[in-house]
Amino acid sequence: MMFPISTAAIRKVDTLSGPTSGERIMLHTREIIKKIWDAQGYGNLAVWGDGTTLVIAPGESPLQDGKPPLAIFKPIPLVAGFSLLGLATHNADLLQHIEKTIREAGGEIVRD
């Protein structure tokens, strides 16, 4: 007997880093790349300045607390060419692209 397979939309909200009292929020380049890697096949990755991420449908522009994301990354063009996540997280061009995108949007990011 075969059962129908349901493919409900999956939306995952995650936080990359959270502030402690008085600490500035910093995004981490390699953590964002890991989230982009995980989003492959599910949608694009929206990243907010507080470290929150959300996998979104292509063309969607979500708001969080009334604020748009700093950046929306398309996983396939960014990481699909890498056979292993470790290769993506250590690729100088990809690291620079992520950092430049976040900084140009007004966010703070560090390479961890």
N, C-alpha and C. Protein backbone atom coordinates (compact mmCIF):
# COMPACT_ATOMS: atom_id res chain seq x y z
N MET A 1 0.84 -1.17 0.00
CA MET A 1 0.00 0.00 0.00
C MET A 1 0.89 1.24 0.00
N MET A 2 0.57 2.20 -0.84
CA MET A 2 1.36 3.42 -0.92
C MET A 2 0.60 4.56 -0.26
N PHE A 3 1.32 5.39 0.43
CA PHE A 3 0.73 6.55 1.09
C PHE A 3 1.14 7.81 0.35
N PRO A 4 0.22 8.76 0.24
CA PRO A 4 0.59 10.00 -0.44
C PRO A 4 1.63 10.77 0.37
N ILE A 5 2.53 11.40 -0.34
CA ILE A 5 3.56 12.19 0.32
C ILE A 5 3.14 13.64 0.29
N SER A 6 3.14 14.26 1.44
CA SER A 6 2.78 15.66 1.55
C SER A 6 4.05 16.49 1.64
N THR A 7 4.15 17.52 0.85
CA THR A 7 5.31 18.39 0.89
C THR A 7 4.87 19.78 1.32
N ALA A 8 4.62 19.93 2.58
CA ALA A 8 4.21 21.22 3.12
C ALA A 8 5.38 22.20 3.08
N ALA A 9 5.05 23.45 2.93
CA ALA A 9 6.09 24.48 2.92
C ALA A 9 6.81 24.51 4.26
N ILE A 10 8.12 24.55 4.20
CA ILE A 10 8.92 24.58 5.42
C ILE A 10 9.53 25.96 5.55
N ARG A 11 9.34 26.57 6.71
CA ARG A 11 9.93 27.88 6.97
C ARG A 11 10.69 27.77 8.28
N LYS A 12 11.95 28.03 8.20
CA LYS A 12 12.78 27.91 9.39
C LYS A 12 13.35 29.27 9.73
N VAL A 13 13.16 29.67 10.96
CA VAL A 13 13.74 30.91 11.46
C VAL A 13 14.83 30.51 12.43
N ASP A 14 15.97 31.11 12.28
CA ASP A 14 17.09 30.76 13.13
C ASP A 14 17.84 32.03 13.50
N THR A 15 18.60 31.97 14.56
CA THR A 15 19.42 33.11 14.95
C THR A 15 20.88 32.70 14.89
N LEU A 16 21.67 33.50 14.16
CA LEU A 16 23.09 33.22 14.02
C LEU A 16 23.88 33.58 15.27
N SER A 17 23.58 34.72 15.82
CA SER A 17 24.26 35.14 17.05
C SER A 17 23.34 36.08 17.79
N GLY A 18 23.39 36.02 19.08
CA GLY A 18 22.52 36.87 19.86
C GLY A 18 23.32 37.77 20.78
N PRO A 19 22.78 38.93 21.08
CA PRO A 19 23.53 39.85 21.93
C PRO A 19 23.45 39.45 23.40
N THR A 20 24.49 39.78 24.12
CA THR A 20 24.42 39.72 25.56
C THR A 20 24.30 41.16 26.01
N SER A 21 24.11 41.40 27.26
CA SER A 21 23.86 42.77 27.71
C SER A 21 24.98 43.71 27.27
N GLY A 22 24.60 44.75 26.51
CA GLY A 22 25.54 45.76 26.07
C GLY A 22 26.45 45.36 24.93
N GLU A 23 26.36 44.14 24.44
CA GLU A 23 27.23 43.67 23.37
C GLU A 23 26.66 44.03 22.01
N ARG A 24 27.53 44.48 21.11
CA ARG A 24 27.09 44.75 19.74
C ARG A 24 26.87 43.44 19.01
N ILE A 25 25.90 43.44 18.16
CA ILE A 25 25.59 42.24 17.40
C ILE A 25 26.51 42.18 16.19
N MET A 26 27.18 41.06 16.04
CA MET A 26 28.05 40.85 14.90
C MET A 26 27.62 39.57 14.20
N LEU A 27 27.48 39.64 12.90
CA LEU A 27 27.21 38.46 12.11
C LEU A 27 28.53 37.77 11.82
N HIS A 28 28.48 36.49 11.56
CA HIS A 28 29.68 35.70 11.31
C HIS A 28 29.60 35.09 9.91
N THR A 29 30.60 35.37 9.11
CA THR A 29 30.60 35.00 7.70
C THR A 29 30.38 33.50 7.49
N ARG A 30 31.14 32.68 8.14
CA ARG A 30 31.05 31.23 7.91
C ARG A 30 29.71 30.65 8.39
N GLU A 31 29.14 31.24 9.43
CA GLU A 31 27.82 30.79 9.88
C GLU A 31 26.76 31.11 8.82
N ILE A 32 26.88 32.26 8.19
CA ILE A 32 25.93 32.61 7.13
C ILE A 32 26.09 31.66 5.96
N ILE A 33 27.33 31.33 5.60
CA ILE A 33 27.55 30.39 4.49
C ILE A 33 26.94 29.04 4.81
N LYS A 34 27.06 28.57 6.05
CA LYS A 34 26.44 27.30 6.44
C LYS A 34 24.92 27.37 6.29
N LYS A 35 24.33 28.50 6.67
CA LYS A 35 22.87 28.66 6.52
C LYS A 35 22.48 28.71 5.05
N ILE A 36 23.29 29.37 4.22
CA ILE A 36 23.02 29.40 2.78
C ILE A 36 23.10 27.98 2.22
N TRP A 37 24.09 27.23 2.64
CA TRP A 37 24.27 25.85 2.20
C TRP A 37 23.03 25.02 2.55
N ASP A 38 22.54 25.17 3.77
CA ASP A 38 21.37 24.42 4.22
C ASP A 38 20.09 24.84 3.49
N ALA A 39 20.04 26.05 3.00
CA ALA A 39 18.84 26.55 2.32
C ALA A 39 18.72 26.07 0.88
N GLN A 40 19.77 25.46 0.33
CA GLN A 40 19.73 24.97 -1.05
C GLN A 40 18.51 24.07 -1.27
N GLY A 41 17.76 24.38 -2.30
CA GLY A 41 16.60 23.57 -2.63
C GLY A 41 15.34 23.93 -1.87
N TYR A 42 15.45 24.80 -0.88
CA TYR A 42 14.30 25.19 -0.08
C TYR A 42 13.87 26.63 -0.32
N GLY A 43 14.76 27.46 -0.82
CA GLY A 43 14.46 28.86 -1.07
C GLY A 43 15.68 29.72 -0.86
N ASN A 44 15.47 31.01 -0.75
CA ASN A 44 16.55 31.97 -0.51
C ASN A 44 16.71 32.19 0.99
N LEU A 45 17.85 32.76 1.38
CA LEU A 45 18.11 33.01 2.79
C LEU A 45 18.10 34.50 3.06
N ALA A 46 17.16 34.94 3.89
CA ALA A 46 17.10 36.33 4.33
C ALA A 46 17.88 36.45 5.64
N VAL A 47 18.69 37.52 5.76
CA VAL A 47 19.52 37.73 6.94
C VAL A 47 19.27 39.13 7.48
N TRP A 48 18.92 39.22 8.76
CA TRP A 48 18.72 40.50 9.43
C TRP A 48 19.94 40.84 10.28
N GLY A 49 20.07 42.10 10.65
CA GLY A 49 21.20 42.58 11.42
C GLY A 49 21.33 41.99 12.81
N ASP A 50 20.23 41.46 13.36
CA ASP A 50 20.28 40.85 14.69
C ASP A 50 20.69 39.39 14.64
N GLY A 51 21.01 38.90 13.43
CA GLY A 51 21.44 37.51 13.29
C GLY A 51 20.34 36.55 12.93
N THR A 52 19.12 37.02 12.87
CA THR A 52 18.01 36.15 12.50
C THR A 52 18.08 35.83 11.02
N THR A 53 17.80 34.58 10.69
CA THR A 53 17.74 34.16 9.29
C THR A 53 16.40 33.49 9.04
N LEU A 54 15.98 33.52 7.79
CA LEU A 54 14.72 32.89 7.41
C LEU A 54 14.84 32.41 5.98
N VAL A 55 14.49 31.16 5.74
CA VAL A 55 14.43 30.64 4.38
C VAL A 55 13.11 31.11 3.79
N ILE A 56 13.20 31.80 2.65
CA ILE A 56 12.02 32.40 2.04
C ILE A 56 11.87 31.94 0.60
N ALA A 57 10.66 32.08 0.08
CA ALA A 57 10.40 31.75 -1.32
C ALA A 57 11.05 32.81 -2.20
N PRO A 58 11.50 32.42 -3.39
CA PRO A 58 12.06 33.41 -4.32
C PRO A 58 11.07 34.53 -4.57
N GLY A 59 11.56 35.77 -4.55
CA GLY A 59 10.72 36.93 -4.77
C GLY A 59 10.04 37.48 -3.54
N GLU A 60 10.09 36.76 -2.44
CA GLU A 60 9.46 37.20 -1.20
C GLU A 60 10.35 38.23 -0.51
N SER A 61 9.75 39.23 0.10
CA SER A 61 10.47 40.26 0.86
C SER A 61 9.85 40.38 2.25
N PRO A 62 10.27 39.56 3.18
CA PRO A 62 9.67 39.55 4.51
C PRO A 62 10.13 40.74 5.35
N LEU A 63 9.35 41.04 6.35
CA LEU A 63 9.70 42.06 7.34
C LEU A 63 9.77 41.39 8.70
N GLN A 64 10.68 41.85 9.52
CA GLN A 64 10.78 41.36 10.90
C GLN A 64 10.78 42.59 11.78
N ASP A 65 9.81 42.69 12.63
CA ASP A 65 9.64 43.88 13.47
C ASP A 65 9.59 45.14 12.60
N GLY A 66 8.98 45.00 11.43
CA GLY A 66 8.84 46.12 10.51
C GLY A 66 10.08 46.45 9.70
N LYS A 67 11.13 45.65 9.84
CA LYS A 67 12.39 45.91 9.13
C LYS A 67 12.64 44.86 8.06
N PRO A 68 13.09 45.29 6.88
CA PRO A 68 13.47 44.32 5.84
C PRO A 68 14.81 43.69 6.20
N PRO A 69 15.14 42.56 5.60
CA PRO A 69 16.44 41.94 5.86
C PRO A 69 17.58 42.78 5.30
N LEU A 70 18.76 42.62 5.88
CA LEU A 70 19.95 43.27 5.33
C LEU A 70 20.27 42.73 3.95
N ALA A 71 20.09 41.43 3.79
CA ALA A 71 20.43 40.78 2.53
C ALA A 71 19.56 39.55 2.33
N ILE A 72 19.35 39.22 1.07
CA ILE A 72 18.70 37.97 0.69
C ILE A 72 19.67 37.26 -0.25
N PHE A 73 20.13 36.10 0.18
CA PHE A 73 21.11 35.33 -0.60
C PHE A 73 20.43 34.20 -1.34
N LYS A 74 20.82 33.99 -2.60
CA LYS A 74 20.32 32.90 -3.42
C LYS A 74 21.34 31.76 -3.35
N PRO A 75 21.00 30.67 -2.69
CA PRO A 75 21.96 29.60 -2.43
C PRO A 75 22.57 28.95 -3.67
N ILE A 76 21.75 28.62 -4.64
CA ILE A 76 22.26 27.85 -5.78
C ILE A 76 23.42 28.57 -6.47
N PRO A 77 23.29 29.84 -6.84
CA PRO A 77 24.44 30.49 -7.50
C PRO A 77 25.66 30.66 -6.59
N LEU A 78 25.44 30.70 -5.28
CA LEU A 78 26.56 30.95 -4.37
C LEU A 78 27.31 29.68 -3.97
N VAL A 79 26.60 28.60 -3.67
CA VAL A 79 27.28 27.45 -3.08
C VAL A 79 27.10 26.12 -3.81
N ALA A 80 26.24 26.07 -4.80
CA ALA A 80 25.99 24.78 -5.47
C ALA A 80 27.22 24.24 -6.20
N GLY A 81 28.14 25.11 -6.56
CA GLY A 81 29.34 24.66 -7.27
C GLY A 81 30.38 24.01 -6.38
N PHE A 82 30.17 24.04 -5.07
CA PHE A 82 31.12 23.44 -4.13
C PHE A 82 30.64 22.04 -3.77
N SER A 83 31.53 21.07 -3.85
CA SER A 83 31.15 19.69 -3.55
C SER A 83 31.04 19.44 -2.05
N LEU A 84 31.70 20.26 -1.25
CA LEU A 84 31.68 20.10 0.20
C LEU A 84 31.47 21.45 0.87
N LEU A 85 30.77 21.46 1.98
CA LEU A 85 30.55 22.69 2.73
C LEU A 85 31.87 23.33 3.14
N GLY A 86 32.84 22.53 3.53
CA GLY A 86 34.15 23.05 3.94
C GLY A 86 34.84 23.84 2.85
N LEU A 87 34.64 23.45 1.61
CA LEU A 87 35.22 24.20 0.50
C LEU A 87 34.55 25.57 0.36
N ALA A 88 33.25 25.61 0.58
CA ALA A 88 32.51 26.87 0.49
C ALA A 88 32.91 27.81 1.63
N THR A 89 33.04 27.28 2.84
CA THR A 89 33.33 28.14 3.99
C THR A 89 34.77 28.64 4.01
N HIS A 90 35.60 28.12 3.12
CA HIS A 90 36.99 28.57 3.06
C HIS A 90 37.35 29.20 1.72
N ASN A 91 36.34 29.47 0.90
CA ASN A 91 36.58 30.11 -0.39
C ASN A 91 36.66 31.63 -0.19
N ALA A 92 37.82 32.20 -0.49
CA ALA A 92 38.06 33.63 -0.24
C ALA A 92 37.06 34.52 -0.98
N ASP A 93 36.74 34.19 -2.23
CA ASP A 93 35.81 35.02 -3.00
C ASP A 93 34.41 35.00 -2.39
N LEU A 94 33.95 33.83 -1.96
CA LEU A 94 32.62 33.73 -1.35
C LEU A 94 32.59 34.47 -0.01
N LEU A 95 33.63 34.29 0.79
CA LEU A 95 33.70 35.00 2.07
C LEU A 95 33.63 36.51 1.86
N GLN A 96 34.40 37.02 0.91
CA GLN A 96 34.41 38.45 0.62
C GLN A 96 33.06 38.93 0.10
N HIS A 97 32.40 38.13 -0.74
CA HIS A 97 31.09 38.51 -1.28
C HIS A 97 30.06 38.65 -0.16
N ILE A 98 30.02 37.69 0.75
CA ILE A 98 29.07 37.73 1.87
C ILE A 98 29.35 38.96 2.73
N GLU A 99 30.60 39.18 3.08
CA GLU A 99 30.97 40.31 3.93
C GLU A 99 30.65 41.64 3.26
N LYS A 100 30.97 41.76 2.00
CA LYS A 100 30.69 43.01 1.27
C LYS A 100 29.20 43.29 1.22
N THR A 101 28.41 42.28 0.94
CA THR A 101 26.95 42.44 0.87
C THR A 101 26.37 42.92 2.19
N ILE A 102 26.79 42.30 3.29
CA ILE A 102 26.29 42.67 4.62
C ILE A 102 26.74 44.08 4.99
N ARG A 103 28.01 44.39 4.76
CA ARG A 103 28.53 45.72 5.12
C ARG A 103 27.88 46.82 4.30
N GLU A 104 27.68 46.58 3.01
CA GLU A 104 27.04 47.59 2.16
C GLU A 104 25.60 47.85 2.58
N ALA A 105 24.99 46.87 3.23
CA ALA A 105 23.61 47.03 3.71
C ALA A 105 23.57 47.67 5.10
N GLY A 106 24.74 47.94 5.67
CA GLY A 106 24.79 48.59 6.98
C GLY A 106 24.98 47.64 8.15
N GLY A 107 25.22 46.37 7.89
CA GLY A 107 25.42 45.41 8.96
C GLY A 107 26.89 45.28 9.34
N GLU A 108 27.12 44.63 10.46
CA GLU A 108 28.46 44.36 10.92
C GLU A 108 28.70 42.87 10.86
N ILE A 109 29.84 42.49 10.31
CA ILE A 109 30.14 41.07 10.12
C ILE A 109 31.61 40.83 10.37
N VAL A 110 31.92 39.67 10.94
CA VAL A 110 33.30 39.27 11.17
C VAL A 110 33.51 37.89 10.57
N ARG A 111 34.73 37.65 10.17
CA ARG A 111 35.10 36.32 9.67
C ARG A 111 35.54 35.50 10.85
N ASP A 112 34.83 34.43 11.12
CA ASP A 112 35.16 33.60 12.28
C ASP A 112 35.88 32.36 11.88
